[in-house]
């Protein structure tokens, strides 16, 4: 698997979907199932990290009183 700093969200998600499909087949030996499960947990963390990075980079355009747009940082749910 690629280094975490190099793997893109879409690649991690596609691989995670493949892992889940293989696990759901129920036809794998225990050791292979455990290895895939561990990989799936890792990929989930990668996807979560990439989504958090994207959220931090989002800016929202707000109209001020004069009808002009200005950028403001995204303030997602803090809960």
C-alpha atoms as a PDB file:
ATOM      1  CA  UNK A   1       0.000   0.000   0.000  1.00  0.00           C
ATOM      2  CA  UNK A   2       1.181   3.543  -0.704  1.00  0.00           C
ATOM      3  CA  UNK A   3       2.557   5.789   1.994  1.00  0.00           C
ATOM      4  CA  UNK A   4      -0.284   7.525   3.889  1.00  0.00           C
ATOM      5  CA  UNK A   5       0.961  10.929   2.751  1.00  0.00           C
ATOM      6  CA  UNK A   6       0.651   9.841  -0.882  1.00  0.00           C
ATOM      7  CA  UNK A   7      -2.631   7.933  -0.958  1.00  0.00           C
ATOM      8  CA  UNK A   8      -5.568   9.997  -2.165  1.00  0.00           C
ATOM      9  CA  UNK A   9      -9.021   9.853  -0.597  1.00  0.00           C
ATOM     10  CA  UNK A  10     -10.567   8.285  -3.693  1.00  0.00           C
ATOM     11  CA  UNK A  11      -7.884   5.577  -3.812  1.00  0.00           C
ATOM     12  CA  UNK A  12      -8.310   4.769  -0.120  1.00  0.00           C
ATOM     13  CA  UNK A  13     -12.102   4.655  -0.462  1.00  0.00           C
ATOM     14  CA  UNK A  14     -11.948   2.386  -3.512  1.00  0.00           C
ATOM     15  CA  UNK A  15      -9.564   0.028  -1.731  1.00  0.00           C
ATOM     16  CA  UNK A  16     -11.745   0.102   1.404  1.00  0.00           C
ATOM     17  CA  UNK A  17     -14.791  -0.872  -0.661  1.00  0.00           C
ATOM     18  CA  UNK A  18     -12.846  -3.796  -2.141  1.00  0.00           C
ATOM     19  CA  UNK A  19     -11.765  -4.904   1.338  1.00  0.00           C
ATOM     20  CA  UNK A  20     -15.341  -4.781   2.617  1.00  0.00           C
ATOM     21  CA  UNK A  21     -16.620  -6.763  -0.372  1.00  0.00           C
ATOM     22  CA  UNK A  22     -14.013  -9.475   0.183  1.00  0.00           C
ATOM     23  CA  UNK A  23     -14.781  -9.652   3.896  1.00  0.00           C
ATOM     24  CA  UNK A  24     -18.520  -9.844   3.226  1.00  0.00           C
ATOM     25  CA  UNK A  25     -17.998 -12.801   0.906  1.00  0.00           C
ATOM     26  CA  UNK A  26     -17.309 -14.936   3.980  1.00  0.00           C
ATOM     27  CA  UNK A  27     -15.047 -17.234   1.977  1.00  0.00           C
ATOM     28  CA  UNK A  28     -11.671 -16.164   3.377  1.00  0.00           C
ATOM     29  CA  UNK A  29      -9.485 -18.000   5.846  1.00  0.00           C
ATOM     30  CA  UNK A  30      -9.287 -16.445   9.305  1.00  0.00           C
ATOM     31  CA  UNK A  31      -5.771 -15.030   8.870  1.00  0.00           C
ATOM     32  CA  UNK A  32      -6.671 -13.336   5.577  1.00  0.00           C
ATOM     33  CA  UNK A  33      -9.863 -11.952   7.127  1.00  0.00           C
ATOM     34  CA  UNK A  34      -7.888 -10.493  10.033  1.00  0.00           C
ATOM     35  CA  UNK A  35      -5.311  -8.950   7.684  1.00  0.00           C
ATOM     36  CA  UNK A  36      -8.040  -7.389   5.567  1.00  0.00           C
ATOM     37  CA  UNK A  37      -9.883  -6.153   8.638  1.00  0.00           C
ATOM     38  CA  UNK A  38      -6.722  -4.425   9.875  1.00  0.00           C
ATOM     39  CA  UNK A  39      -6.209  -2.872   6.438  1.00  0.00           C
ATOM     40  CA  UNK A  40      -9.831  -1.694   6.452  1.00  0.00           C
ATOM     41  CA  UNK A  41      -9.412  -0.011   9.830  1.00  0.00           C
ATOM     42  CA  UNK A  42      -6.276   1.705   8.551  1.00  0.00           C
ATOM     43  CA  UNK A  43      -8.012   2.849   5.347  1.00  0.00           C
ATOM     44  CA  UNK A  44     -10.931   4.190   7.384  1.00  0.00           C
ATOM     45  CA  UNK A  45      -8.491   6.325   9.365  1.00  0.00           C
ATOM     46  CA  UNK A  46      -6.862   7.571   6.152  1.00  0.00           C
ATOM     47  CA  UNK A  47     -10.270   8.524   4.688  1.00  0.00           C
ATOM     48  CA  UNK A  48     -11.313  10.265   7.906  1.00  0.00           C
ATOM     49  CA  UNK A  49      -8.045  12.217   7.981  1.00  0.00           C
ATOM     50  CA  UNK A  50      -8.435  13.285   4.331  1.00  0.00           C
ATOM     51  CA  UNK A  51     -12.016  14.443   4.976  1.00  0.00           C
ATOM     52  CA  UNK A  52     -10.919  16.434   8.034  1.00  0.00           C
ATOM     53  CA  UNK A  53      -8.171  18.066   5.947  1.00  0.00           C
ATOM     54  CA  UNK A  54     -10.712  19.015   3.285  1.00  0.00           C
ATOM     55  CA  UNK A  55     -13.098  20.450   5.870  1.00  0.00           C
ATOM     56  CA  UNK A  56     -10.342  22.681   7.241  1.00  0.00           C
ATOM     57  CA  UNK A  57      -9.644  24.021   3.750  1.00  0.00           C
ATOM     58  CA  UNK A  58     -13.234  24.882   2.898  1.00  0.00           C
ATOM     59  CA  UNK A  59     -14.174  28.509   2.880  1.00  0.00           C
ATOM     60  CA  UNK A  60     -17.649  29.933   2.642  1.00  0.00           C
ATOM     61  CA  UNK A  61     -18.502  33.022   0.689  1.00  0.00           C
ATOM     62  CA  UNK A  62     -20.636  35.397   2.723  1.00  0.00           C
ATOM     63  CA  UNK A  63     -22.361  38.514   1.498  1.00  0.00           C
ATOM     64  CA  UNK A  64     -21.625  41.582   3.545  1.00  0.00           C
ATOM     65  CA  UNK A  65     -23.979  44.545   3.997  1.00  0.00           C
ATOM     66  CA  UNK A  66     -22.878  46.082   0.669  1.00  0.00           C
ATOM     67  CA  UNK A  67     -23.734  42.960  -1.298  1.00  0.00           C
ATOM     68  CA  UNK A  68     -20.070  42.052  -1.782  1.00  0.00           C
ATOM     69  CA  UNK A  69     -18.739  38.589  -1.193  1.00  0.00           C
ATOM     70  CA  UNK A  70     -16.047  37.903   1.355  1.00  0.00           C
ATOM     71  CA  UNK A  71     -14.341  34.703   2.383  1.00  0.00           C
ATOM     72  CA  UNK A  72     -14.771  33.267   5.852  1.00  0.00           C
ATOM     73  CA  UNK A  73     -13.293  30.091   7.321  1.00  0.00           C
ATOM     74  CA  UNK A  74     -15.537  27.058   7.489  1.00  0.00           C
ATOM     75  CA  UNK A  75     -16.747  26.407  11.010  1.00  0.00           C
ATOM     76  CA  UNK A  76     -18.193  22.900  10.978  1.00  0.00           C
ATOM     77  CA  UNK A  77     -19.854  21.128  13.827  1.00  0.00           C
ATOM     78  CA  UNK A  78     -17.721  21.351  16.933  1.00  0.00           C
ATOM     79  CA  UNK A  79     -19.580  18.555  18.695  1.00  0.00           C
END
